Amino acid sequence: RGEPIWVDAHHSAPLMCLAVSHDGRFGISADAEGSLKVWHFETLGAGFGSGALYAQTSIPRPALLARFDREAWRLWVVMDNNQLIILDLGSLSTNGQSVL
């Protein structure tokens, strides 16, 4: 049985989808209330007050699918009403970190 290396307690609603960037540096989590969070895995355990939270935003509806583009600059999100949203990672509200 494996032990968790990190537990996320930042979402207040059930998670709907998760994704990891191609290079493994970033992750996305989206919950049932439309909260979308971007995680920077290289900062896990680095002493940041909010763990690896890099950026966050809200979308109008819950996400069913989230993906990074190949360079991890854009987030592609399909909401539960089948609309596609493309978000520029650099334009999101960051947690005071600059890793791009």
N, C-alpha and C. Protein backbone atom coordinates (compact mmCIF):
# COMPACT_ATOMS: atom_id res chain seq x y z
N ARG A 1 0.83 -1.17 0.00
CA ARG A 1 0.00 0.00 0.00
C ARG A 1 0.88 1.24 0.00
N GLY A 2 0.64 2.12 -0.97
CA GLY A 2 1.42 3.35 -1.08
C GLY A 2 0.90 4.43 -0.15
N GLU A 3 1.78 5.26 0.28
CA GLU A 3 1.42 6.40 1.12
C GLU A 3 1.33 7.65 0.25
N PRO A 4 0.34 8.51 0.48
CA PRO A 4 0.25 9.74 -0.33
C PRO A 4 1.44 10.66 -0.06
N ILE A 5 1.92 11.30 -1.13
CA ILE A 5 2.99 12.28 -0.95
C ILE A 5 2.45 13.69 -0.81
N TRP A 6 1.16 13.84 -1.11
CA TRP A 6 0.53 15.17 -1.04
C TRP A 6 -0.98 14.98 -1.09
N VAL A 7 -1.70 15.76 -0.31
CA VAL A 7 -3.16 15.71 -0.28
C VAL A 7 -3.68 17.12 -0.52
N ASP A 8 -4.58 17.29 -1.50
CA ASP A 8 -5.15 18.59 -1.81
C ASP A 8 -6.40 18.83 -1.00
N ALA A 9 -6.44 19.94 -0.28
CA ALA A 9 -7.63 20.32 0.47
C ALA A 9 -8.11 21.69 0.02
N HIS A 10 -7.78 22.09 -1.22
CA HIS A 10 -8.11 23.43 -1.70
C HIS A 10 -9.48 23.52 -2.36
N HIS A 11 -10.05 22.42 -2.78
CA HIS A 11 -11.37 22.46 -3.42
C HIS A 11 -12.46 22.24 -2.37
N SER A 12 -13.55 22.99 -2.48
CA SER A 12 -14.66 22.83 -1.54
C SER A 12 -15.79 21.99 -2.13
N ALA A 13 -15.71 21.68 -3.42
CA ALA A 13 -16.72 20.86 -4.09
C ALA A 13 -16.04 19.61 -4.65
N PRO A 14 -16.82 18.59 -4.99
CA PRO A 14 -16.23 17.36 -5.54
C PRO A 14 -15.44 17.63 -6.83
N LEU A 15 -14.31 16.95 -6.97
CA LEU A 15 -13.50 17.09 -8.18
C LEU A 15 -14.20 16.42 -9.35
N MET A 16 -14.12 17.07 -10.51
CA MET A 16 -14.73 16.55 -11.73
C MET A 16 -13.69 15.99 -12.69
N CYS A 17 -12.50 16.61 -12.73
CA CYS A 17 -11.46 16.11 -13.63
C CYS A 17 -10.09 16.57 -13.17
N LEU A 18 -9.09 15.81 -13.62
CA LEU A 18 -7.69 16.08 -13.34
C LEU A 18 -6.90 15.87 -14.62
N ALA A 19 -5.80 16.59 -14.77
CA ALA A 19 -4.91 16.39 -15.92
C ALA A 19 -3.50 16.80 -15.53
N VAL A 20 -2.52 16.20 -16.20
CA VAL A 20 -1.10 16.51 -15.98
C VAL A 20 -0.50 16.94 -17.31
N SER A 21 0.36 17.96 -17.29
CA SER A 21 1.01 18.42 -18.51
C SER A 21 1.94 17.34 -19.05
N HIS A 22 2.27 17.44 -20.33
CA HIS A 22 3.11 16.44 -20.99
C HIS A 22 4.48 16.31 -20.34
N ASP A 23 5.02 17.41 -19.82
CA ASP A 23 6.34 17.35 -19.20
C ASP A 23 6.27 17.01 -17.71
N GLY A 24 5.06 16.87 -17.17
CA GLY A 24 4.90 16.49 -15.77
C GLY A 24 5.10 17.61 -14.77
N ARG A 25 5.28 18.84 -15.24
CA ARG A 25 5.52 19.96 -14.33
C ARG A 25 4.25 20.53 -13.72
N PHE A 26 3.14 20.48 -14.47
CA PHE A 26 1.89 21.10 -14.03
C PHE A 26 0.75 20.10 -13.99
N GLY A 27 -0.25 20.42 -13.18
CA GLY A 27 -1.48 19.65 -13.15
C GLY A 27 -2.66 20.61 -13.09
N ILE A 28 -3.82 20.13 -13.50
CA ILE A 28 -5.07 20.89 -13.42
C ILE A 28 -6.05 20.08 -12.59
N SER A 29 -6.81 20.74 -11.74
CA SER A 29 -7.94 20.11 -11.07
C SER A 29 -9.14 21.04 -11.23
N ALA A 30 -10.29 20.46 -11.49
CA ALA A 30 -11.51 21.25 -11.67
C ALA A 30 -12.62 20.61 -10.85
N ASP A 31 -13.40 21.44 -10.17
CA ASP A 31 -14.45 20.88 -9.31
C ASP A 31 -15.85 21.19 -9.84
N ALA A 32 -16.86 20.69 -9.15
CA ALA A 32 -18.25 20.78 -9.57
C ALA A 32 -18.81 22.20 -9.52
N GLU A 33 -18.13 23.13 -8.86
CA GLU A 33 -18.58 24.51 -8.79
C GLU A 33 -17.90 25.41 -9.81
N GLY A 34 -17.05 24.84 -10.68
CA GLY A 34 -16.38 25.63 -11.71
C GLY A 34 -15.04 26.20 -11.29
N SER A 35 -14.53 25.79 -10.15
CA SER A 35 -13.22 26.24 -9.72
C SER A 35 -12.15 25.41 -10.43
N LEU A 36 -11.19 26.10 -11.03
CA LEU A 36 -10.12 25.44 -11.77
C LEU A 36 -8.80 25.87 -11.14
N LYS A 37 -7.97 24.90 -10.77
CA LYS A 37 -6.70 25.19 -10.13
C LYS A 37 -5.57 24.55 -10.91
N VAL A 38 -4.47 25.28 -11.03
CA VAL A 38 -3.27 24.79 -11.71
C VAL A 38 -2.20 24.56 -10.65
N TRP A 39 -1.59 23.40 -10.71
CA TRP A 39 -0.60 23.00 -9.71
C TRP A 39 0.77 22.91 -10.35
N HIS A 40 1.79 23.35 -9.64
CA HIS A 40 3.18 23.25 -10.10
C HIS A 40 3.85 22.18 -9.25
N PHE A 41 4.02 21.01 -9.81
CA PHE A 41 4.49 19.86 -9.04
C PHE A 41 5.92 19.98 -8.56
N GLU A 42 6.74 20.78 -9.22
CA GLU A 42 8.13 20.93 -8.81
C GLU A 42 8.26 21.67 -7.47
N THR A 43 7.19 22.33 -7.01
CA THR A 43 7.25 23.04 -5.73
C THR A 43 6.61 22.25 -4.60
N LEU A 44 6.23 21.00 -4.84
CA LEU A 44 5.68 20.18 -3.75
C LEU A 44 6.70 20.08 -2.63
N GLY A 45 6.26 20.38 -1.43
CA GLY A 45 7.15 20.29 -0.29
C GLY A 45 8.22 21.37 -0.23
N ALA A 46 8.10 22.40 -1.05
CA ALA A 46 9.12 23.45 -1.08
C ALA A 46 8.86 24.55 -0.05
N GLY A 47 7.86 24.39 0.79
CA GLY A 47 7.61 25.36 1.84
C GLY A 47 6.62 26.45 1.48
N PHE A 48 6.01 26.40 0.28
CA PHE A 48 5.00 27.41 -0.04
C PHE A 48 3.80 27.20 0.86
N GLY A 49 3.18 28.29 1.30
CA GLY A 49 2.04 28.19 2.20
C GLY A 49 0.87 27.42 1.62
N SER A 50 0.69 27.45 0.32
CA SER A 50 -0.44 26.74 -0.28
C SER A 50 0.05 25.55 -1.10
N GLY A 51 1.15 24.95 -0.71
CA GLY A 51 1.65 23.77 -1.41
C GLY A 51 2.08 24.13 -2.80
N ALA A 52 1.62 23.39 -3.76
CA ALA A 52 2.05 23.56 -5.14
C ALA A 52 1.05 24.37 -5.96
N LEU A 53 0.09 25.05 -5.32
CA LEU A 53 -0.90 25.83 -6.06
C LEU A 53 -0.21 26.95 -6.81
N TYR A 54 -0.35 26.95 -8.14
CA TYR A 54 0.31 27.95 -8.98
C TYR A 54 -0.67 29.04 -9.41
N ALA A 55 -1.85 28.65 -9.88
CA ALA A 55 -2.83 29.62 -10.38
C ALA A 55 -4.22 29.06 -10.17
N GLN A 56 -5.20 29.96 -10.19
CA GLN A 56 -6.58 29.53 -10.07
C GLN A 56 -7.50 30.50 -10.79
N THR A 57 -8.64 29.97 -11.21
CA THR A 57 -9.65 30.78 -11.87
C THR A 57 -10.98 30.07 -11.72
N SER A 58 -12.03 30.72 -12.16
CA SER A 58 -13.36 30.10 -12.17
C SER A 58 -13.87 30.08 -13.59
N ILE A 59 -14.59 29.03 -13.92
CA ILE A 59 -15.26 28.94 -15.21
C ILE A 59 -16.76 28.88 -14.94
N PRO A 60 -17.60 29.23 -15.94
CA PRO A 60 -19.03 29.36 -15.67
C PRO A 60 -19.75 28.07 -15.33
N ARG A 61 -19.20 26.92 -15.69
CA ARG A 61 -19.87 25.64 -15.46
C ARG A 61 -18.83 24.60 -15.04
N PRO A 62 -19.25 23.49 -14.49
CA PRO A 62 -18.29 22.43 -14.15
C PRO A 62 -17.56 21.90 -15.38
N ALA A 63 -16.31 21.55 -15.21
CA ALA A 63 -15.52 20.99 -16.30
C ALA A 63 -15.66 19.47 -16.31
N LEU A 64 -15.76 18.92 -17.51
CA LEU A 64 -15.79 17.46 -17.66
C LEU A 64 -14.44 16.93 -18.11
N LEU A 65 -13.68 17.78 -18.81
CA LEU A 65 -12.39 17.37 -19.36
C LEU A 65 -11.47 18.58 -19.37
N ALA A 66 -10.22 18.38 -18.96
CA ALA A 66 -9.24 19.45 -18.98
C ALA A 66 -7.92 18.88 -19.48
N ARG A 67 -7.25 19.63 -20.34
CA ARG A 67 -5.97 19.19 -20.90
C ARG A 67 -5.06 20.40 -21.11
N PHE A 68 -3.76 20.15 -21.06
CA PHE A 68 -2.76 21.13 -21.42
C PHE A 68 -2.41 20.95 -22.89
N ASP A 69 -2.00 22.04 -23.56
CA ASP A 69 -1.41 21.86 -24.88
C ASP A 69 0.00 21.32 -24.69
N ARG A 70 0.68 20.99 -25.75
CA ARG A 70 1.98 20.32 -25.67
C ARG A 70 3.01 21.14 -24.89
N GLU A 71 2.97 22.46 -25.01
CA GLU A 71 3.96 23.30 -24.33
C GLU A 71 3.51 23.74 -22.94
N ALA A 72 2.33 23.34 -22.52
CA ALA A 72 1.76 23.71 -21.20
C ALA A 72 1.54 25.21 -21.06
N TRP A 73 1.26 25.90 -22.17
CA TRP A 73 0.95 27.33 -22.12
C TRP A 73 -0.55 27.59 -22.09
N ARG A 74 -1.32 26.66 -22.63
CA ARG A 74 -2.77 26.84 -22.68
C ARG A 74 -3.48 25.65 -22.06
N LEU A 75 -4.62 25.95 -21.45
CA LEU A 75 -5.48 24.92 -20.88
C LEU A 75 -6.72 24.80 -21.76
N TRP A 76 -7.07 23.59 -22.13
CA TRP A 76 -8.27 23.31 -22.91
C TRP A 76 -9.27 22.66 -21.97
N VAL A 77 -10.43 23.27 -21.80
CA VAL A 77 -11.41 22.79 -20.83
C VAL A 77 -12.76 22.62 -21.53
N VAL A 78 -13.35 21.43 -21.40
CA VAL A 78 -14.70 21.17 -21.90
C VAL A 78 -15.64 21.19 -20.70
N MET A 79 -16.62 22.09 -20.76
CA MET A 79 -17.59 22.20 -19.67
C MET A 79 -18.73 21.21 -19.86
N ASP A 80 -19.57 21.08 -18.83
CA ASP A 80 -20.65 20.09 -18.87
C ASP A 80 -21.75 20.42 -19.87
N ASN A 81 -21.72 21.61 -20.49
CA ASN A 81 -22.69 21.95 -21.53
C ASN A 81 -22.06 21.81 -22.93
N ASN A 82 -20.92 21.12 -23.02
CA ASN A 82 -20.18 20.83 -24.25
C ASN A 82 -19.50 22.06 -24.86
N GLN A 83 -19.37 23.14 -24.13
CA GLN A 83 -18.61 24.30 -24.62
C GLN A 83 -17.14 24.11 -24.30
N LEU A 84 -16.29 24.58 -25.19
CA LEU A 84 -14.85 24.53 -25.02
C LEU A 84 -14.33 25.90 -24.61
N ILE A 85 -13.51 25.93 -23.59
CA ILE A 85 -12.83 27.16 -23.16
C ILE A 85 -11.34 26.91 -23.29
N ILE A 86 -10.62 27.86 -23.88
CA ILE A 86 -9.16 27.78 -23.96
C ILE A 86 -8.61 28.93 -23.11
N LEU A 87 -7.83 28.59 -22.11
CA LEU A 87 -7.28 29.58 -21.19
C LEU A 87 -5.77 29.67 -21.37
N ASP A 88 -5.25 30.88 -21.37
CA ASP A 88 -3.81 31.12 -21.43
C ASP A 88 -3.27 31.03 -20.01
N LEU A 89 -2.37 30.10 -19.76
CA LEU A 89 -1.84 29.91 -18.41
C LEU A 89 -1.19 31.17 -17.87
N GLY A 90 -0.53 31.93 -18.72
CA GLY A 90 0.13 33.16 -18.28
C GLY A 90 -0.83 34.25 -17.84
N SER A 91 -2.10 34.18 -18.23
CA SER A 91 -3.07 35.22 -17.87
C SER A 91 -3.84 34.89 -16.60
N LEU A 92 -3.65 33.71 -16.02
CA LEU A 92 -4.39 33.34 -14.82
C LEU A 92 -3.80 34.01 -13.60
N SER A 93 -4.61 34.12 -12.57
CA SER A 93 -4.17 34.68 -11.30
C SER A 93 -3.21 33.70 -10.64
N THR A 94 -1.92 34.10 -10.54
CA THR A 94 -0.92 33.18 -9.99
C THR A 94 -0.74 33.40 -8.50
N ASN A 95 -0.07 32.46 -7.90
CA ASN A 95 0.18 32.47 -6.46
C ASN A 95 1.54 33.12 -6.16
N GLY A 96 1.89 34.15 -6.92
CA GLY A 96 3.15 34.85 -6.69
C GLY A 96 4.37 34.14 -7.25
N GLN A 97 4.16 33.08 -8.03
CA GLN A 97 5.26 32.34 -8.61
C GLN A 97 5.35 32.62 -10.09
N SER A 98 6.52 32.56 -10.63
CA SER A 98 6.70 32.66 -12.07
C SER A 98 7.58 31.50 -12.50
N VAL A 99 6.94 30.53 -13.17
CA VAL A 99 7.68 29.33 -13.56
C VAL A 99 7.63 29.11 -15.05
N LEU A 100 6.97 29.98 -15.80
CA LEU A 100 6.88 29.81 -17.25
C LEU A 100 8.08 30.40 -17.94
